[in-house]
Amino acid sequence: VQLQAYGGGLVQAGGSLTLSCSVSGRTVSHNPTAWFRQAPGKEREFVAAIKWADGSTSYEDFAKGRFTISRDRAKSMVYLRMNNLRPEDTAVYFCAAPEGRLIRSSWYAPQYYDYWGQGTQVTVSS
C-alpha cells in the first residue's frame, strides 16, 4: 500500500484547507485510512479516520466540529477538510493505513498503522 499526502500550506487563523491522500495498492475495505499530525517536539497524534467499506468515521476531540474526513472509493482518495484553523493546528499531517485488520478502538493509535504517506506541512498563522 502506498499513500501520498498533499494539500498543506500556510493559512491564517480561521481559514480552511483541504488535505488529500491518494491510496494505491491493496486496501482492505473493513480497515480505516487515518490522518495523524505531528507538531515540532510533540508526539504524533490521531486526527480522524474513515473506513473504506461504509464511510464510518472517528475524530479526535479537537477535530470534532471543525474537521471532516471523507473518501472517494472510485478515486482511492481520502480527504481532510479543515475549517476554522487555529495556530495550534500547525503540524505535519500524515495519512496512514494498517496492514492487518484494525478494530475501531485502535484506530487512534499510530503504532497499529503500517503504511504512511510522506506528510504535508500545515502552518496556521495568528
N, C-alpha and C. Protein backbone atom coordinates (compact mmCIF):
# COMPACT_ATOMS: atom_id res chain seq x y z
N VAL A 1 0.85 -1.19 0.00
CA VAL A 1 0.00 0.00 0.00
C VAL A 1 0.89 1.24 0.00
N GLN A 2 0.60 2.15 -0.88
CA GLN A 2 1.34 3.41 -0.94
C GLN A 2 0.37 4.57 -0.72
N LEU A 3 0.79 5.51 0.09
CA LEU A 3 -0.03 6.67 0.37
C LEU A 3 0.78 7.93 0.08
N GLN A 4 0.09 8.92 -0.42
CA GLN A 4 0.73 10.20 -0.69
C GLN A 4 -0.20 11.30 -0.24
N ALA A 5 0.30 12.11 0.69
CA ALA A 5 -0.49 13.22 1.23
C ALA A 5 -0.04 14.52 0.60
N TYR A 6 -1.00 15.38 0.33
CA TYR A 6 -0.66 16.70 -0.20
C TYR A 6 -1.80 17.67 0.09
N GLY A 7 -1.53 18.93 -0.17
CA GLY A 7 -2.55 19.95 0.05
C GLY A 7 -2.28 20.89 1.19
N GLY A 8 -1.18 20.68 1.92
CA GLY A 8 -0.87 21.58 3.01
C GLY A 8 -0.45 22.95 2.52
N GLY A 9 -0.24 23.84 3.47
CA GLY A 9 0.17 25.18 3.11
C GLY A 9 0.10 26.12 4.29
N LEU A 10 0.21 27.40 3.99
CA LEU A 10 0.15 28.45 5.01
C LEU A 10 -1.22 29.10 4.94
N VAL A 11 -1.86 29.22 6.08
CA VAL A 11 -3.19 29.81 6.13
C VAL A 11 -3.31 30.63 7.40
N GLN A 12 -4.13 31.65 7.36
CA GLN A 12 -4.36 32.46 8.55
C GLN A 12 -5.35 31.76 9.48
N ALA A 13 -5.26 32.10 10.73
CA ALA A 13 -6.21 31.56 11.71
C ALA A 13 -7.63 31.87 11.26
N GLY A 14 -8.48 30.87 11.40
CA GLY A 14 -9.85 31.00 10.94
C GLY A 14 -10.07 30.53 9.53
N GLY A 15 -8.99 30.28 8.81
CA GLY A 15 -9.09 29.84 7.43
C GLY A 15 -9.31 28.35 7.31
N SER A 16 -9.31 27.87 6.07
CA SER A 16 -9.60 26.47 5.78
C SER A 16 -8.57 25.89 4.82
N LEU A 17 -8.40 24.60 4.91
CA LEU A 17 -7.57 23.83 3.99
C LEU A 17 -8.20 22.47 3.79
N THR A 18 -7.97 21.89 2.64
CA THR A 18 -8.37 20.50 2.40
C THR A 18 -7.13 19.71 2.04
N LEU A 19 -6.84 18.70 2.83
CA LEU A 19 -5.74 17.79 2.55
C LEU A 19 -6.27 16.59 1.78
N SER A 20 -5.41 16.07 0.92
CA SER A 20 -5.77 14.91 0.11
C SER A 20 -4.76 13.81 0.34
N CYS A 21 -5.22 12.59 0.28
CA CYS A 21 -4.35 11.42 0.41
C CYS A 21 -4.73 10.43 -0.67
N SER A 22 -3.78 10.15 -1.56
CA SER A 22 -4.02 9.13 -2.57
C SER A 22 -3.55 7.79 -2.03
N VAL A 23 -4.34 6.76 -2.23
CA VAL A 23 -4.05 5.43 -1.70
C VAL A 23 -3.98 4.46 -2.87
N SER A 24 -2.85 3.80 -2.99
CA SER A 24 -2.71 2.82 -4.07
C SER A 24 -2.25 1.50 -3.50
N GLY A 25 -2.45 0.44 -4.26
CA GLY A 25 -2.12 -0.89 -3.78
C GLY A 25 -3.33 -1.53 -3.12
N ARG A 26 -3.09 -2.65 -2.46
CA ARG A 26 -4.18 -3.39 -1.86
C ARG A 26 -4.70 -2.70 -0.61
N THR A 27 -5.97 -2.44 -0.58
CA THR A 27 -6.60 -1.90 0.62
C THR A 27 -7.68 -2.87 1.08
N VAL A 28 -7.93 -2.88 2.33
CA VAL A 28 -8.93 -3.77 2.91
C VAL A 28 -10.13 -2.93 3.29
N SER A 29 -11.30 -3.33 2.77
CA SER A 29 -12.47 -2.46 2.89
C SER A 29 -12.88 -2.23 4.33
N HIS A 30 -12.63 -3.19 5.22
CA HIS A 30 -13.07 -3.01 6.60
C HIS A 30 -12.05 -2.26 7.43
N ASN A 31 -10.97 -1.84 6.80
CA ASN A 31 -9.94 -1.10 7.51
C ASN A 31 -10.09 0.39 7.29
N PRO A 32 -9.55 1.18 8.19
CA PRO A 32 -9.61 2.62 8.03
C PRO A 32 -8.38 3.16 7.30
N THR A 33 -8.53 4.35 6.79
CA THR A 33 -7.39 5.20 6.47
C THR A 33 -7.51 6.40 7.40
N ALA A 34 -6.40 6.77 7.98
CA ALA A 34 -6.43 7.79 9.04
C ALA A 34 -5.52 8.96 8.70
N TRP A 35 -5.82 10.07 9.34
CA TRP A 35 -4.93 11.22 9.36
C TRP A 35 -4.37 11.37 10.77
N PHE A 36 -3.06 11.57 10.81
CA PHE A 36 -2.36 11.91 12.05
C PHE A 36 -1.63 13.22 11.81
N ARG A 37 -1.18 13.82 12.90
CA ARG A 37 -0.36 15.01 12.76
C ARG A 37 0.73 15.00 13.82
N GLN A 38 1.79 15.74 13.51
CA GLN A 38 2.89 15.83 14.45
C GLN A 38 3.46 17.23 14.41
N ALA A 39 3.40 17.89 15.54
CA ALA A 39 3.97 19.22 15.69
C ALA A 39 5.40 19.09 16.21
N PRO A 40 6.24 20.09 15.99
CA PRO A 40 7.62 20.02 16.46
C PRO A 40 7.69 19.76 17.96
N GLY A 41 8.48 18.78 18.34
CA GLY A 41 8.67 18.46 19.74
C GLY A 41 7.54 17.71 20.39
N LYS A 42 6.54 17.32 19.60
CA LYS A 42 5.39 16.60 20.15
C LYS A 42 5.26 15.24 19.49
N GLU A 43 4.52 14.38 20.16
CA GLU A 43 4.27 13.05 19.61
C GLU A 43 3.23 13.13 18.49
N ARG A 44 3.27 12.13 17.65
CA ARG A 44 2.29 12.04 16.58
C ARG A 44 0.92 11.76 17.20
N GLU A 45 -0.10 12.48 16.76
CA GLU A 45 -1.42 12.31 17.35
C GLU A 45 -2.48 12.06 16.29
N PHE A 46 -3.48 11.33 16.69
CA PHE A 46 -4.60 10.98 15.83
C PHE A 46 -5.46 12.21 15.55
N VAL A 47 -5.91 12.31 14.30
CA VAL A 47 -6.81 13.39 13.92
C VAL A 47 -8.19 12.82 13.58
N ALA A 48 -8.23 11.91 12.61
CA ALA A 48 -9.50 11.34 12.16
C ALA A 48 -9.22 10.10 11.33
N ALA A 49 -10.23 9.25 11.20
CA ALA A 49 -10.11 8.06 10.38
C ALA A 49 -11.46 7.74 9.74
N ILE A 50 -11.39 7.03 8.63
CA ILE A 50 -12.61 6.65 7.91
C ILE A 50 -12.44 5.24 7.39
N LYS A 51 -13.51 4.44 7.48
CA LYS A 51 -13.49 3.08 6.98
C LYS A 51 -13.93 3.07 5.53
N TRP A 52 -13.15 2.37 4.69
CA TRP A 52 -13.45 2.34 3.27
C TRP A 52 -14.84 1.77 2.98
N ALA A 53 -15.20 0.70 3.71
CA ALA A 53 -16.41 -0.04 3.35
C ALA A 53 -17.68 0.79 3.50
N ASP A 54 -17.84 1.44 4.64
CA ASP A 54 -19.12 2.09 4.90
C ASP A 54 -19.00 3.58 5.19
N GLY A 55 -17.78 4.09 5.17
CA GLY A 55 -17.59 5.52 5.39
C GLY A 55 -17.74 5.95 6.84
N SER A 56 -17.79 5.00 7.76
CA SER A 56 -17.89 5.38 9.17
C SER A 56 -16.60 6.09 9.59
N THR A 57 -16.76 7.02 10.50
CA THR A 57 -15.65 7.90 10.84
C THR A 57 -15.40 7.96 12.35
N SER A 58 -14.24 8.46 12.69
CA SER A 58 -13.88 8.71 14.08
C SER A 58 -13.00 9.95 14.10
N TYR A 59 -13.20 10.80 15.10
CA TYR A 59 -12.45 12.04 15.21
C TYR A 59 -11.87 12.19 16.61
N GLU A 60 -10.69 12.80 16.66
CA GLU A 60 -10.16 13.23 17.95
C GLU A 60 -10.99 14.44 18.39
N ASP A 61 -11.00 14.68 19.69
CA ASP A 61 -11.87 15.73 20.21
C ASP A 61 -11.60 17.10 19.58
N PHE A 62 -10.31 17.43 19.36
CA PHE A 62 -10.00 18.76 18.84
C PHE A 62 -10.50 18.94 17.41
N ALA A 63 -10.75 17.81 16.72
CA ALA A 63 -11.17 17.88 15.32
C ALA A 63 -12.69 17.91 15.16
N LYS A 64 -13.39 17.50 16.17
CA LYS A 64 -14.84 17.42 16.06
C LYS A 64 -15.44 18.81 15.83
N GLY A 65 -16.30 18.90 14.83
CA GLY A 65 -16.96 20.16 14.53
C GLY A 65 -16.16 21.09 13.64
N ARG A 66 -14.88 20.83 13.47
CA ARG A 66 -14.04 21.68 12.60
C ARG A 66 -13.50 20.92 11.40
N PHE A 67 -13.17 19.65 11.58
CA PHE A 67 -12.56 18.85 10.52
C PHE A 67 -13.57 17.82 10.03
N THR A 68 -13.49 17.51 8.75
CA THR A 68 -14.33 16.48 8.16
C THR A 68 -13.48 15.56 7.29
N ILE A 69 -13.52 14.27 7.59
CA ILE A 69 -12.81 13.29 6.78
C ILE A 69 -13.82 12.65 5.82
N SER A 70 -13.36 12.40 4.61
CA SER A 70 -14.23 11.77 3.61
C SER A 70 -13.38 10.92 2.69
N ARG A 71 -14.03 10.06 1.93
CA ARG A 71 -13.28 9.25 0.97
C ARG A 71 -14.05 9.13 -0.32
N ASP A 72 -13.30 8.94 -1.39
CA ASP A 72 -13.85 8.68 -2.71
C ASP A 72 -13.31 7.32 -3.13
N ARG A 73 -14.14 6.32 -3.06
CA ARG A 73 -13.67 4.96 -3.33
C ARG A 73 -13.25 4.80 -4.78
N ALA A 74 -13.96 5.44 -5.67
CA ALA A 74 -13.63 5.30 -7.09
C ALA A 74 -12.26 5.87 -7.41
N LYS A 75 -11.89 6.92 -6.71
CA LYS A 75 -10.60 7.56 -6.97
C LYS A 75 -9.53 7.11 -5.99
N SER A 76 -9.89 6.28 -5.00
CA SER A 76 -8.95 5.85 -3.97
C SER A 76 -8.31 7.05 -3.28
N MET A 77 -9.16 7.97 -2.90
CA MET A 77 -8.70 9.19 -2.25
C MET A 77 -9.38 9.36 -0.90
N VAL A 78 -8.63 9.88 0.04
CA VAL A 78 -9.17 10.28 1.34
C VAL A 78 -8.86 11.75 1.53
N TYR A 79 -9.84 12.49 2.04
CA TYR A 79 -9.69 13.92 2.19
C TYR A 79 -9.87 14.31 3.66
N LEU A 80 -9.26 15.41 4.02
CA LEU A 80 -9.47 16.01 5.34
C LEU A 80 -9.74 17.49 5.13
N ARG A 81 -10.98 17.86 5.31
CA ARG A 81 -11.36 19.27 5.22
C ARG A 81 -11.23 19.87 6.61
N MET A 82 -10.43 20.93 6.70
CA MET A 82 -10.16 21.57 7.98
C MET A 82 -10.66 23.02 7.94
N ASN A 83 -11.61 23.32 8.79
CA ASN A 83 -12.17 24.65 8.90
C ASN A 83 -11.79 25.30 10.22
N ASN A 84 -11.92 26.61 10.25
CA ASN A 84 -11.66 27.37 11.48
C ASN A 84 -10.30 26.97 12.09
N LEU A 85 -9.29 26.98 11.26
CA LEU A 85 -7.96 26.55 11.71
C LEU A 85 -7.40 27.48 12.77
N ARG A 86 -6.63 26.90 13.66
CA ARG A 86 -6.01 27.61 14.78
C ARG A 86 -4.51 27.46 14.70
N PRO A 87 -3.75 28.39 15.29
CA PRO A 87 -2.29 28.23 15.28
C PRO A 87 -1.83 26.89 15.86
N GLU A 88 -2.55 26.36 16.82
CA GLU A 88 -2.17 25.07 17.41
C GLU A 88 -2.42 23.89 16.47
N ASP A 89 -3.05 24.12 15.33
CA ASP A 89 -3.20 23.06 14.33
C ASP A 89 -1.95 22.94 13.45
N THR A 90 -1.00 23.83 13.64
CA THR A 90 0.23 23.78 12.87
C THR A 90 0.97 22.47 13.14
N ALA A 91 1.26 21.73 12.08
CA ALA A 91 1.89 20.41 12.21
C ALA A 91 2.13 19.85 10.82
N VAL A 92 2.87 18.76 10.79
CA VAL A 92 2.94 17.94 9.58
C VAL A 92 1.82 16.91 9.68
N TYR A 93 1.02 16.83 8.65
CA TYR A 93 -0.12 15.92 8.62
C TYR A 93 0.22 14.72 7.75
N PHE A 94 -0.06 13.53 8.28
CA PHE A 94 0.24 12.27 7.60
C PHE A 94 -1.05 11.47 7.40
N CYS A 95 -1.14 10.78 6.28
CA CYS A 95 -2.19 9.78 6.16
C CYS A 95 -1.54 8.41 6.34
N ALA A 96 -2.32 7.46 6.84
CA ALA A 96 -1.77 6.17 7.20
C ALA A 96 -2.82 5.08 7.03
N ALA A 97 -2.34 3.86 6.85
CA ALA A 97 -3.23 2.71 6.71
C ALA A 97 -2.59 1.50 7.39
N PRO A 98 -3.40 0.63 7.98
CA PRO A 98 -2.86 -0.58 8.61
C PRO A 98 -2.76 -1.73 7.62
N GLU A 99 -1.93 -2.69 7.94
CA GLU A 99 -1.81 -3.89 7.13
C GLU A 99 -2.91 -4.89 7.48
N GLY A 100 -2.99 -5.19 8.75
CA GLY A 100 -3.96 -6.17 9.22
C GLY A 100 -5.25 -5.50 9.63
N ARG A 101 -6.19 -6.33 10.05
CA ARG A 101 -7.47 -5.81 10.49
C ARG A 101 -7.28 -4.98 11.75
N LEU A 102 -7.93 -3.83 11.80
CA LEU A 102 -7.77 -2.91 12.91
C LEU A 102 -9.14 -2.58 13.48
N ILE A 103 -9.35 -2.95 14.74
CA ILE A 103 -10.64 -2.68 15.35
C ILE A 103 -10.76 -1.19 15.67
N ARG A 104 -12.00 -0.73 15.74
CA ARG A 104 -12.25 0.70 15.88
C ARG A 104 -11.57 1.28 17.11
N SER A 105 -11.53 0.54 18.19
CA SER A 105 -10.94 1.07 19.42
C SER A 105 -9.44 1.33 19.27
N SER A 106 -8.83 0.81 18.23
CA SER A 106 -7.40 1.01 17.98
C SER A 106 -7.12 2.02 16.88
N TRP A 107 -8.12 2.58 16.30
CA TRP A 107 -7.92 3.49 15.17
C TRP A 107 -7.04 4.69 15.56
N TYR A 108 -7.08 5.08 16.81
CA TYR A 108 -6.40 6.31 17.24
C TYR A 108 -4.88 6.10 17.43
N ALA A 109 -4.42 4.87 17.44
CA ALA A 109 -3.05 4.57 17.86
C ALA A 109 -2.11 4.44 16.67
N PRO A 110 -1.12 5.30 16.54
CA PRO A 110 -0.24 5.26 15.37
C PRO A 110 0.57 3.97 15.25
N GLN A 111 0.82 3.29 16.37
CA GLN A 111 1.65 2.08 16.32
C GLN A 111 0.96 0.94 15.57
N TYR A 112 -0.33 1.04 15.31
CA TYR A 112 -1.05 -0.01 14.60
C TYR A 112 -1.10 0.23 13.09
N TYR A 113 -0.52 1.31 12.64
CA TYR A 113 -0.53 1.63 11.22
C TYR A 113 0.82 1.28 10.61
N ASP A 114 0.78 0.61 9.47
CA ASP A 114 1.99 0.09 8.84
C ASP A 114 2.45 0.93 7.66
N TYR A 115 1.55 1.62 7.04
CA TYR A 115 1.88 2.38 5.84
C TYR A 115 1.58 3.87 6.09
N TRP A 116 2.55 4.69 5.71
CA TRP A 116 2.45 6.12 5.96
C TRP A 116 2.79 6.89 4.70
N GLY A 117 2.06 7.97 4.49
CA GLY A 117 2.44 8.90 3.45
C GLY A 117 3.58 9.77 3.96
N GLN A 118 4.08 10.63 3.08
CA GLN A 118 5.28 11.40 3.40
C GLN A 118 4.99 12.62 4.26
N GLY A 119 3.75 12.99 4.43
CA GLY A 119 3.41 14.14 5.26
C GLY A 119 3.32 15.41 4.46
N THR A 120 2.45 16.29 4.91
CA THR A 120 2.30 17.60 4.27
C THR A 120 2.19 18.64 5.39
N GLN A 121 2.93 19.72 5.24
CA GLN A 121 3.02 20.73 6.28
C GLN A 121 1.81 21.66 6.24
N VAL A 122 1.22 21.85 7.40
CA VAL A 122 0.15 22.84 7.58
C VAL A 122 0.64 23.87 8.58
N THR A 123 0.64 25.12 8.19
CA THR A 123 1.07 26.20 9.08
C THR A 123 -0.06 27.21 9.18
N VAL A 124 -0.47 27.47 10.42
CA VAL A 124 -1.56 28.42 10.65
C VAL A 124 -0.99 29.62 11.39
N SER A 125 -1.08 30.77 10.78
CA SER A 125 -0.55 31.98 11.39
C SER A 125 -1.63 32.69 12.18
N SER A 126 -1.20 33.35 13.25
CA SER A 126 -2.16 34.06 14.11
C SER A 126 -2.39 35.48 13.64
